[in-house]
Amino acid sequence: MTETPGNESGRVRWTDEMLDKLTSNVSELRESVSELRESVSEVKDSVDGVRITTQGLLQLALQQQQENEARKAEIAEANRKYEEEKQESDRRFYTLLDEVRYLNRRGDRNNGES
């Protein structure tokens, strides 16, 4: 930048070359801003895609968790029924065992009397 001889206040006189350079810089800056806007737009699109994917995965995880809870409840109910049936079967077995023992003792007494 040059100072003009009659310009004591230190003001700069703009030359055509300086104005051309400034115009070129402004043009480059506009291009950079435009590229930056495109990049920001692409990042926003990517973030939206990630958000949609994340929501889908969370929904699947929730559904899977609900299905697992339902299966656990079914298994718990089946185990409860199994235990009830086992206890009933054990009761029947021990009742029959008591009857067999009773009949054996009765048979032993009857054989001893004869």
C-alpha atoms as a PDB file:
ATOM      1  CA  MET A   1       0.000   0.000   0.000  1.00  0.00           C
ATOM      2  CA  THR A   2       1.257   3.351  -0.788  1.00  0.00           C
ATOM      3  CA  GLU A   3       0.804   6.712   0.797  1.00  0.00           C
ATOM      4  CA  THR A   4       0.226   9.679  -1.409  1.00  0.00           C
ATOM      5  CA  PRO A   5       2.630  12.584  -0.897  1.00  0.00           C
ATOM      6  CA  GLY A   6      -0.173  14.981  -0.100  1.00  0.00           C
ATOM      7  CA  ASN A   7      -1.837  12.584   2.324  1.00  0.00           C
ATOM      8  CA  GLU A   8      -0.283  13.302   5.728  1.00  0.00           C
ATOM      9  CA  SER A   9      -2.978  11.564   7.765  1.00  0.00           C
ATOM     10  CA  GLY A  10      -1.600   8.160   6.851  1.00  0.00           C
ATOM     11  CA  ARG A  11      -4.541   7.149   4.708  1.00  0.00           C
ATOM     12  CA  VAL A  12      -3.843   4.563   2.047  1.00  0.00           C
ATOM     13  CA  ARG A  13      -4.625   5.246  -1.580  1.00  0.00           C
ATOM     14  CA  TRP A  14      -6.180   2.182  -3.174  1.00  0.00           C
ATOM     15  CA  THR A  15      -4.687   1.207  -6.485  1.00  0.00           C
ATOM     16  CA  ASP A  16      -6.344  -0.854  -9.188  1.00  0.00           C
ATOM     17  CA  GLU A  17      -3.959  -3.693  -8.343  1.00  0.00           C
ATOM     18  CA  MET A  18      -4.969  -3.581  -4.678  1.00  0.00           C
ATOM     19  CA  LEU A  19      -8.663  -3.473  -5.569  1.00  0.00           C
ATOM     20  CA  ASP A  20      -8.216  -6.426  -7.952  1.00  0.00           C
ATOM     21  CA  LYS A  21      -6.450  -8.387  -5.204  1.00  0.00           C
ATOM     22  CA  LEU A  22      -9.191  -7.495  -2.715  1.00  0.00           C
ATOM     23  CA  THR A  23     -11.858  -8.555  -5.223  1.00  0.00           C
ATOM     24  CA  SER A  24     -10.001 -11.809  -5.826  1.00  0.00           C
ATOM     25  CA  ASN A  25      -9.763 -12.439  -2.063  1.00  0.00           C
ATOM     26  CA  VAL A  26     -13.469 -11.723  -1.601  1.00  0.00           C
ATOM     27  CA  SER A  27     -14.274 -14.087  -4.472  1.00  0.00           C
ATOM     28  CA  GLU A  28     -12.117 -16.827  -2.940  1.00  0.00           C
ATOM     29  CA  LEU A  29     -13.762 -16.218   0.426  1.00  0.00           C
ATOM     30  CA  ARG A  30     -17.207 -16.574  -1.137  1.00  0.00           C
ATOM     31  CA  GLU A  31     -16.144 -19.863  -2.745  1.00  0.00           C
ATOM     32  CA  SER A  32     -14.812 -21.084   0.599  1.00  0.00           C
ATOM     33  CA  VAL A  33     -18.049 -20.115   2.335  1.00  0.00           C
ATOM     34  CA  SER A  34     -20.018 -21.910  -0.377  1.00  0.00           C
ATOM     35  CA  GLU A  35     -17.890 -25.052   0.037  1.00  0.00           C
ATOM     36  CA  LEU A  36     -18.263 -24.808   3.799  1.00  0.00           C
ATOM     37  CA  ARG A  37     -22.061 -24.568   3.436  1.00  0.00           C
ATOM     38  CA  GLU A  38     -22.030 -27.683   1.242  1.00  0.00           C
ATOM     39  CA  SER A  39     -19.893 -29.508   3.808  1.00  0.00           C
ATOM     40  CA  VAL A  40     -22.211 -28.453   6.619  1.00  0.00           C
ATOM     41  CA  SER A  41     -25.187 -29.632   4.582  1.00  0.00           C
ATOM     42  CA  GLU A  42     -23.512 -33.016   3.998  1.00  0.00           C
ATOM     43  CA  VAL A  43     -22.722 -33.312   7.719  1.00  0.00           C
ATOM     44  CA  LYS A  44     -26.348 -32.497   8.571  1.00  0.00           C
ATOM     45  CA  ASP A  45     -27.506 -35.186   6.148  1.00  0.00           C
ATOM     46  CA  SER A  46     -25.082 -37.663   7.711  1.00  0.00           C
ATOM     47  CA  VAL A  47     -26.254 -36.767  11.209  1.00  0.00           C
ATOM     48  CA  ASP A  48     -29.867 -37.216  10.115  1.00  0.00           C
ATOM     49  CA  GLY A  49     -28.982 -40.624   8.689  1.00  0.00           C
ATOM     50  CA  VAL A  50     -27.236 -41.624  11.911  1.00  0.00           C
ATOM     51  CA  ARG A  51     -30.203 -40.376  13.938  1.00  0.00           C
ATOM     52  CA  ILE A  52     -32.646 -42.420  11.856  1.00  0.00           C
ATOM     53  CA  THR A  53     -30.431 -45.504  12.104  1.00  0.00           C
ATOM     54  CA  THR A  54     -30.073 -45.029  15.856  1.00  0.00           C
ATOM     55  CA  GLN A  55     -33.823 -44.685  16.302  1.00  0.00           C
ATOM     56  CA  GLY A  56     -34.364 -47.855  14.295  1.00  0.00           C
ATOM     57  CA  LEU A  57     -31.795 -49.763  16.347  1.00  0.00           C
ATOM     58  CA  LEU A  58     -33.295 -48.512  19.604  1.00  0.00           C
ATOM     59  CA  GLN A  59     -36.730 -49.592  18.434  1.00  0.00           C
ATOM     60  CA  LEU A  60     -35.417 -53.058  17.551  1.00  0.00           C
ATOM     61  CA  ALA A  61     -33.643 -53.313  20.902  1.00  0.00           C
ATOM     62  CA  LEU A  62     -36.824 -52.364  22.748  1.00  0.00           C
ATOM     63  CA  GLN A  63     -38.830 -54.909  20.765  1.00  0.00           C
ATOM     64  CA  GLN A  64     -36.208 -57.595  21.462  1.00  0.00           C
ATOM     65  CA  GLN A  65     -36.242 -56.742  25.161  1.00  0.00           C
ATOM     66  CA  GLN A  66     -40.028 -57.020  25.266  1.00  0.00           C
ATOM     67  CA  GLU A  67     -39.886 -60.378  23.492  1.00  0.00           C
ATOM     68  CA  ASN A  68     -37.225 -61.583  25.936  1.00  0.00           C
ATOM     69  CA  GLU A  69     -39.332 -60.491  28.901  1.00  0.00           C
ATOM     70  CA  ALA A  70     -42.333 -62.349  27.448  1.00  0.00           C
ATOM     71  CA  ARG A  71     -40.204 -65.489  26.972  1.00  0.00           C
ATOM     72  CA  LYS A  72     -38.895 -65.239  30.532  1.00  0.00           C
ATOM     73  CA  ALA A  73     -42.473 -65.001  31.798  1.00  0.00           C
ATOM     74  CA  GLU A  74     -43.469 -68.045  29.707  1.00  0.00           C
ATOM     75  CA  ILE A  75     -40.485 -70.019  31.012  1.00  0.00           C
ATOM     76  CA  ALA A  76     -41.259 -69.023  34.608  1.00  0.00           C
ATOM     77  CA  GLU A  77     -44.880 -70.146  34.165  1.00  0.00           C
ATOM     78  CA  ALA A  78     -43.782 -73.441  32.581  1.00  0.00           C
ATOM     79  CA  ASN A  79     -41.354 -74.036  35.467  1.00  0.00           C
ATOM     80  CA  ARG A  80     -44.086 -73.291  38.000  1.00  0.00           C
ATOM     81  CA  LYS A  81     -46.452 -75.754  36.312  1.00  0.00           C
ATOM     82  CA  TYR A  82     -43.676 -78.353  36.119  1.00  0.00           C
ATOM     83  CA  GLU A  83     -42.979 -77.992  39.843  1.00  0.00           C
ATOM     84  CA  GLU A  84     -46.690 -78.322  40.654  1.00  0.00           C
ATOM     85  CA  GLU A  85     -46.987 -81.443  38.496  1.00  0.00           C
ATOM     86  CA  LYS A  86     -43.811 -82.877  40.013  1.00  0.00           C
ATOM     87  CA  GLN A  87     -45.111 -82.309  43.533  1.00  0.00           C
ATOM     88  CA  GLU A  88     -48.436 -83.926  42.636  1.00  0.00           C
ATOM     89  CA  SER A  89     -46.613 -86.863  41.032  1.00  0.00           C
ATOM     90  CA  ASP A  90     -44.421 -87.226  44.139  1.00  0.00           C
ATOM     91  CA  ARG A  91     -47.526 -87.199  46.367  1.00  0.00           C
ATOM     92  CA  ARG A  92     -49.126 -89.929  44.277  1.00  0.00           C
ATOM     93  CA  PHE A  93     -45.944 -91.986  44.341  1.00  0.00           C
ATOM     94  CA  TYR A  94     -45.597 -91.766  48.121  1.00  0.00           C
ATOM     95  CA  THR A  95     -49.298 -92.566  48.559  1.00  0.00           C
ATOM     96  CA  LEU A  96     -48.872 -95.669  46.401  1.00  0.00           C
ATOM     97  CA  LEU A  97     -45.667 -96.548  48.244  1.00  0.00           C
ATOM     98  CA  ASP A  98     -47.498 -96.277  51.585  1.00  0.00           C
ATOM     99  CA  GLU A  99     -50.290 -98.507  50.232  1.00  0.00           C
ATOM    100  CA  VAL A 100     -47.762-101.106  49.012  1.00  0.00           C
ATOM    101  CA  ARG A 101     -46.020-101.088  52.392  1.00  0.00           C
ATOM    102  CA  TYR A 102     -49.364-101.426  54.151  1.00  0.00           C
ATOM    103  CA  LEU A 103     -50.347-104.328  51.934  1.00  0.00           C
ATOM    104  CA  ASN A 104     -46.950-105.978  52.498  1.00  0.00           C
ATOM    105  CA  ARG A 105     -47.285-105.683  56.276  1.00  0.00           C
ATOM    106  CA  ARG A 106     -50.833-107.012  56.088  1.00  0.00           C
ATOM    107  CA  GLY A 107     -49.686-109.860  53.886  1.00  0.00           C
ATOM    108  CA  ASP A 108     -46.855-110.652  56.319  1.00  0.00           C
ATOM    109  CA  ARG A 109     -49.345-110.794  59.218  1.00  0.00           C
ATOM    110  CA  ASN A 110     -51.696-112.987  57.262  1.00  0.00           C
ATOM    111  CA  ASN A 111     -48.846-115.385  56.362  1.00  0.00           C
ATOM    112  CA  GLY A 112     -47.718-115.465  59.988  1.00  0.00           C
ATOM    113  CA  GLU A 113     -51.206-116.454  61.166  1.00  0.00           C
ATOM    114  CA  SER A 114     -51.521-119.354  58.813  1.00  0.00           C
END
